[in-house]
Protein backbone atom coordinates (compact mmCIF):
# COMPACT_ATOMS: atom_id res chain seq x y z
CA MET A 1 64.42 86.46 96.71
CA HIS A 2 64.11 83.86 99.45
CA SER A 3 66.02 84.53 102.63
CA MET A 4 67.58 81.43 104.18
CA PRO A 5 68.26 80.61 107.85
CA PRO A 6 71.19 82.45 109.47
CA VAL A 7 74.66 80.94 109.18
CA SER A 8 75.72 81.98 112.70
CA ASP A 9 73.87 82.73 115.91
CA ARG A 10 76.49 85.28 116.99
CA PRO A 11 74.67 88.44 118.13
CA MET A 12 74.23 91.03 115.39
CA PRO A 13 75.11 94.69 116.11
CA HIS A 14 72.04 96.88 115.88
CA VAL A 15 71.79 99.55 113.22
CA GLU A 16 68.49 101.36 112.73
CA GLY A 17 66.70 100.34 109.56
CA ALA A 18 68.80 97.26 108.72
CA ARG A 19 67.02 94.26 107.20
CA HIS A 20 69.04 91.05 107.34
CA HIS A 21 68.93 88.25 104.77
CA TRP A 22 70.88 85.06 104.05
CA ILE A 23 70.97 84.24 100.35
CA GLN A 24 72.40 81.30 98.45
CA ALA A 25 74.84 82.80 95.93
CA GLY A 26 76.26 79.94 93.90
CA GLU A 27 78.05 77.60 96.28
CA VAL A 28 78.05 79.91 99.32
CA ARG A 29 75.39 81.43 101.55
CA LEU A 30 75.97 85.17 101.94
CA HIS A 31 74.59 87.53 104.53
CA THR A 32 73.32 90.94 103.46
CA ALA A 33 72.12 93.90 105.48
CA GLU A 34 69.75 96.08 103.44
CA PHE A 35 68.77 99.69 103.99
CA GLY A 36 66.31 101.90 102.17
CA PRO A 37 63.22 101.12 100.13
CA PRO A 38 63.25 97.80 98.22
CA SER A 39 62.14 99.79 95.17
CA GLY A 40 65.07 102.22 95.43
CA THR A 41 68.00 102.36 93.03
CA PRO A 42 70.19 99.37 93.98
CA VAL A 43 73.69 99.87 95.35
CA VAL A 44 75.89 96.96 96.43
CA LEU A 45 78.48 97.72 99.14
CA LEU A 46 81.54 95.56 99.81
CA HIS A 47 83.50 95.91 103.05
CA GLY A 48 87.24 95.66 103.65
CA PHE A 49 89.40 93.77 106.16
CA PRO A 50 89.00 93.29 109.12
CA GLN A 51 85.33 94.25 108.89
CA HIS A 52 81.86 93.31 107.66
CA TRP A 53 78.54 94.99 106.76
CA TYR A 54 78.62 97.11 109.94
CA ALA A 55 81.32 99.28 108.32
CA TRP A 56 78.55 101.03 106.34
CA ARG A 57 76.49 102.14 109.37
CA GLY A 58 77.53 105.79 108.93
CA LEU A 59 76.91 105.92 105.19
CA ALA A 60 73.58 104.09 105.21
CA PRO A 61 71.43 106.94 106.60
CA LEU A 62 72.86 109.33 104.00
CA LEU A 63 72.08 107.23 100.93
CA SER A 64 69.16 105.03 102.01
CA PRO A 65 66.33 107.57 101.50
CA ASP A 66 66.42 107.00 97.74
CA HIS A 67 68.64 103.92 97.33
CA ARG A 68 68.33 100.24 98.14
CA LEU A 69 71.65 99.60 99.87
CA ILE A 70 72.75 95.97 99.86
CA CYS A 71 75.66 95.62 102.29
CA VAL A 72 77.26 92.23 101.68
CA ASP A 73 79.39 90.17 104.02
CA LEU A 74 82.04 88.65 101.77
CA ARG A 75 82.50 84.90 101.83
CA GLY A 76 83.75 83.85 105.25
CA PHE A 77 83.28 87.24 106.94
CA GLY A 78 80.63 88.65 109.25
CA TRP A 79 77.60 86.38 109.11
CA SER A 80 78.28 84.79 105.72
CA GLU A 81 79.17 81.14 105.33
CA GLN A 82 82.87 80.30 105.82
CA PRO A 83 83.84 77.48 103.43
CA LYS A 84 87.36 76.08 103.24
CA ARG A 85 88.20 77.56 99.83
CA GLY A 86 87.29 80.34 97.42
CA TYR A 87 89.03 83.40 98.89
CA ASP A 88 90.91 84.49 95.79
CA THR A 89 89.72 87.73 94.19
CA ASP A 90 88.17 86.06 91.15
CA SER A 91 86.06 83.75 93.32
CA LEU A 92 84.94 86.59 95.58
CA ALA A 93 83.88 88.60 92.53
CA SER A 94 82.01 85.56 91.21
CA ASP A 95 80.16 85.38 94.54
CA ILE A 96 78.86 88.90 94.00
CA LEU A 97 77.73 88.10 90.46
CA ALA A 98 75.89 85.05 91.79
CA LEU A 99 74.31 87.24 94.47
CA LEU A 100 73.08 89.70 91.83
CA ASP A 101 71.53 86.79 89.96
CA ALA A 102 69.88 85.50 93.14
CA LEU A 103 68.49 88.99 93.81
CA ALA A 104 67.34 89.30 90.17
CA LEU A 105 69.37 92.49 89.73
CA ASP A 106 70.51 93.06 86.17
CA ARG A 107 72.51 96.17 87.06
CA THR A 108 73.64 97.93 90.22
CA ALA A 109 75.89 100.72 91.38
CA LEU A 110 78.84 99.62 93.49
CA ILE A 111 80.67 101.08 96.50
CA ALA A 112 83.57 99.11 97.95
CA HIS A 113 86.31 99.66 100.53
CA SER A 114 89.83 98.31 100.94
CA TRP A 115 89.97 94.57 100.13
CA GLY A 116 86.37 94.74 98.99
CA ALA A 117 87.40 97.43 96.52
CA GLY A 118 89.90 95.02 94.97
CA VAL A 119 86.99 92.63 94.46
CA GLY A 120 85.01 95.53 93.02
CA PHE A 121 87.61 96.27 90.35
CA ARG A 122 87.66 92.60 89.35
CA LEU A 123 83.86 92.55 89.18
CA CYS A 124 83.82 95.63 86.95
CA GLN A 125 86.38 94.05 84.62
CA GLN A 126 84.65 90.66 84.54
CA ALA A 127 81.08 91.87 84.09
CA PRO A 128 80.97 95.58 83.21
CA ALA A 129 77.39 95.35 81.96
CA ARG A 130 76.24 94.59 85.51
CA VAL A 131 77.71 97.74 87.15
CA THR A 132 76.42 101.25 86.41
CA ALA A 133 79.05 103.17 88.42
CA TYR A 134 81.82 102.26 90.85
CA LEU A 135 83.13 104.17 93.87
CA ALA A 136 86.35 102.56 95.16
CA LEU A 137 87.58 103.61 98.61
CA ASN A 138 91.12 103.27 100.02
CA MET A 139 92.36 100.88 97.33
CA THR A 140 94.70 101.02 94.36
CA HIS A 141 93.39 100.58 90.84
CA PRO A 142 94.97 97.92 88.57
CA TRP A 143 97.26 100.46 86.84
CA THR A 144 99.36 101.67 89.75
CA GLU A 145 102.96 102.06 88.57
CA HIS A 146 105.48 99.57 89.93
CA ARG A 147 107.91 102.39 90.68
CA HIS A 148 105.40 103.67 93.25
CA VAL A 149 104.56 100.23 94.66
CA LEU A 150 108.07 99.07 95.58
CA PRO A 151 108.98 102.02 97.89
CA ASN A 152 105.69 101.52 99.73
CA LEU A 153 105.82 97.77 100.31
CA TRP A 154 106.99 98.33 103.89
CA ARG A 155 103.51 99.65 104.66
CA MET A 156 102.20 96.09 104.31
CA TRP A 157 104.42 94.72 107.10
CA PHE A 158 101.46 93.42 109.10
CA THR A 159 100.48 91.02 106.29
CA ALA A 160 103.42 88.80 107.28
CA LEU A 161 101.58 88.08 110.53
CA ILE A 162 98.39 87.08 108.74
CA GLU A 163 99.06 85.44 105.38
CA TYR A 164 100.80 82.18 106.35
CA PRO A 165 98.35 79.28 106.74
CA VAL A 166 99.01 78.18 110.33
CA LEU A 167 100.49 81.31 111.87
CA GLY A 168 97.90 83.65 110.36
CA ARG A 169 94.91 81.76 111.73
CA LEU A 170 96.47 81.54 115.17
CA VAL A 171 97.21 85.27 115.23
CA LEU A 172 93.73 86.30 114.04
CA ARG A 173 92.01 83.88 116.40
CA HIS A 174 94.06 84.49 119.52
CA VAL A 175 95.44 88.04 119.23
CA PRO A 176 92.35 90.30 118.95
CA SER A 177 94.51 93.26 119.93
CA LEU A 178 96.01 93.13 116.42
CA THR A 179 92.61 93.85 114.88
CA ARG A 180 92.10 96.79 117.22
CA TYR A 181 95.59 98.08 116.45
CA LEU A 182 95.14 97.88 112.67
CA LEU A 183 91.87 99.81 112.83
CA ARG A 184 93.29 102.53 115.11
CA ARG A 185 96.53 102.76 113.11
CA ALA A 186 94.66 103.43 109.87
CA THR A 187 92.69 106.40 111.24
CA PRO A 188 94.47 109.66 112.17
CA ASP A 189 91.80 110.63 114.71
CA ALA A 190 91.07 107.16 116.02
CA PRO A 191 89.29 108.14 119.30
CA SER A 192 86.64 110.08 117.39
CA VAL A 193 86.10 107.29 114.84
CA TRP A 194 86.09 104.10 116.89
CA ARG A 195 83.94 103.50 119.93
CA PRO A 196 85.26 100.70 122.17
CA SER A 197 82.21 98.63 121.22
CA ASP A 198 83.06 99.00 117.50
CA LEU A 199 86.60 97.76 118.05
CA THR A 200 85.29 94.85 120.13
CA GLU A 201 82.77 93.93 117.42
CA TYR A 202 85.42 93.77 114.71
CA ALA A 203 87.93 91.97 116.95
CA GLU A 204 85.41 89.26 117.85
CA SER A 205 84.23 88.92 114.27
CA THR A 206 87.82 88.58 113.05
CA GLN A 207 88.43 85.81 115.58
CA ARG A 208 85.47 83.90 114.14
CA SER A 209 86.57 84.49 110.52
CA ALA A 210 90.25 83.68 111.12
CA HIS A 211 90.31 81.05 108.37
CA ALA A 212 88.77 83.45 105.86
CA GLY A 213 91.06 86.31 106.86
CA GLN A 214 94.23 84.28 106.54
CA SER A 215 93.06 82.69 103.29
CA LEU A 216 92.26 86.10 101.81
CA PHE A 217 95.82 87.31 102.31
CA TRP A 218 97.40 84.00 101.25
CA GLN A 219 95.44 83.83 97.99
CA TYR A 220 96.52 87.39 97.26
CA VAL A 221 100.15 86.29 97.60
CA LEU A 222 99.66 83.18 95.48
CA ARG A 223 97.53 84.70 92.71
CA ASP A 224 97.14 88.46 92.69
CA ILE A 225 100.75 89.52 93.21
CA PRO A 226 102.06 87.28 90.38
CA ALA A 227 99.18 88.41 88.16
CA GLY A 228 100.08 92.01 88.94
CA PHE A 229 103.68 91.58 87.81
CA ARG A 230 102.49 89.74 84.68
CA GLY A 231 100.12 92.61 83.97
CA THR A 232 97.18 90.23 83.65
CA HIS A 233 94.50 92.68 84.76
CA ARG A 234 96.28 95.78 83.51
CA ARG A 235 95.42 94.66 79.98
CA THR A 236 91.68 94.56 80.64
CA ARG A 237 89.98 97.88 79.91
CA LEU A 238 87.73 99.33 82.61
CA THR A 239 84.56 100.64 80.98
CA VAL A 240 82.51 101.30 84.12
CA PRO A 241 82.50 104.99 85.24
CA THR A 242 84.75 104.86 88.30
CA LEU A 243 85.90 107.21 91.03
CA VAL A 244 88.74 106.21 93.36
CA LEU A 245 88.64 108.04 96.68
CA GLY A 246 91.69 107.85 98.93
CA GLY A 247 92.80 109.28 102.25
CA GLU A 248 95.69 111.73 102.36
CA LEU A 249 97.01 110.05 105.53
CA ASP A 250 96.15 106.44 104.69
CA PRO A 251 99.13 104.48 106.09
CA VAL A 252 98.62 101.49 103.77
CA ILE A 253 97.39 103.01 100.48
CA PRO A 254 98.94 106.51 100.31
CA PRO A 255 98.13 108.93 97.46
CA ALA A 256 101.24 107.87 95.52
CA LEU A 257 99.69 104.43 95.00
CA LEU A 258 96.65 105.97 93.32
CA GLN A 259 98.69 107.33 90.42
CA GLY A 260 99.23 105.63 87.08
CA THR A 261 98.05 105.57 83.48
CA PRO A 262 94.77 103.66 83.46
CA LEU A 263 93.35 101.60 80.64
CA ALA A 264 89.93 103.02 81.40
CA ASP A 265 87.16 104.95 79.68
CA ASP A 266 86.22 107.04 82.70
CA LEU A 267 88.36 106.79 85.83
CA ALA A 268 89.06 109.67 88.21
CA VAL A 269 90.96 109.90 91.50
CA GLU A 270 90.42 112.16 94.52
CA THR A 271 92.24 112.40 97.84
CA VAL A 272 90.44 113.46 101.01
CA PRO A 273 92.66 115.86 103.04
CA GLY A 274 93.41 114.72 106.57
CA ALA A 275 91.65 111.37 106.17
CA GLY A 276 93.09 107.90 106.64
CA GLY A 277 92.25 104.39 105.57
CA HIS A 278 88.61 104.04 106.67
CA LEU A 279 86.69 106.68 104.73
CA PRO A 280 83.23 105.11 105.26
CA GLU A 281 83.60 105.60 109.01
CA GLU A 282 85.85 108.67 109.10
CA CYS A 283 83.89 110.85 106.68
CA PRO A 284 80.70 109.17 105.42
CA ASP A 285 79.35 112.54 104.29
CA ARG A 286 82.31 112.95 101.90
CA VAL A 287 81.76 109.43 100.57
CA ALA A 288 78.06 110.09 100.02
CA GLU A 289 78.81 113.35 98.21
CA ALA A 290 81.35 111.64 95.95
CA PHE A 291 78.89 108.89 95.13
CA ARG A 292 76.17 111.37 94.20
CA ARG A 293 78.56 113.22 91.91
CA LEU A 294 79.70 110.00 90.29
CA THR A 295 76.19 108.74 89.60
CA ALA A 296 75.19 112.16 88.29
CA GLY A 297 78.05 111.99 85.78
CA ARG A 298 80.18 114.63 87.51
CA PRO A 299 83.29 112.91 88.96
CA ALA A 300 86.61 114.63 89.55
CA ALA A 301 89.15 115.44 86.87
CA PRO A 302 90.41 112.34 85.02
CA LEU A 303 93.56 110.67 86.31
CA ARG A 304 96.70 111.60 84.38
């Protein structure tokens, strides 16, 4: 692996033990923050919106003693390159496959949160041989029943402010209070989860990645929603051992959206009592424990 020059000179938040690299992954240069021994069992971690690698700062100390944690900034976010196109889920998953090739990793475990978890499901369906186990946080799986989705669409109201090409970029670039609000709204005990400096970091980062943020939501509208109603990805069997972990009080992805009849060999669902939509930062110990159970072959009861 050859690390390339940084994409941005924006100051990086400090987290003990982080090693930063910029790697050419296909057509885009991605930033990674690594923790743990380079010889450790590899785990790739994908953040959600509106965040970047820093979202894993609480989990890293718990898993890094015996794992090589590779925390990726998705295309356009954090310190990764921000090209004009390529923010649909398939392209983002292809970026991660290209990154694995660049890192010479044949197989890896995967932990992903929120929007990153949607990318994670696509990755597992596209290239199951590359993923040993998948822990998905605060995200629906591809087999959520439509009868549960429709009554919960109102929870996505904020996407109307973000998804449209001109309006969305203006809002993300010039209304940083929206980023702070979305993070606080998603966590029941926000004051104990978010330090003011954390909220500022994500707000400033979201301003810089406004094009990527808006494009992410817009491509979801153009491609993923129609594919969902066509059942495109519901017909692809998931063969990777997978655990979906949700928050009981998640205001965007409530427990009802984690139900369904999966086309999967080994998929289980758990809900964390009292938790919201940012499990890596609300309860990293619970996430670490779930990951250890999953990789030891002892997930929760299968989803019915």
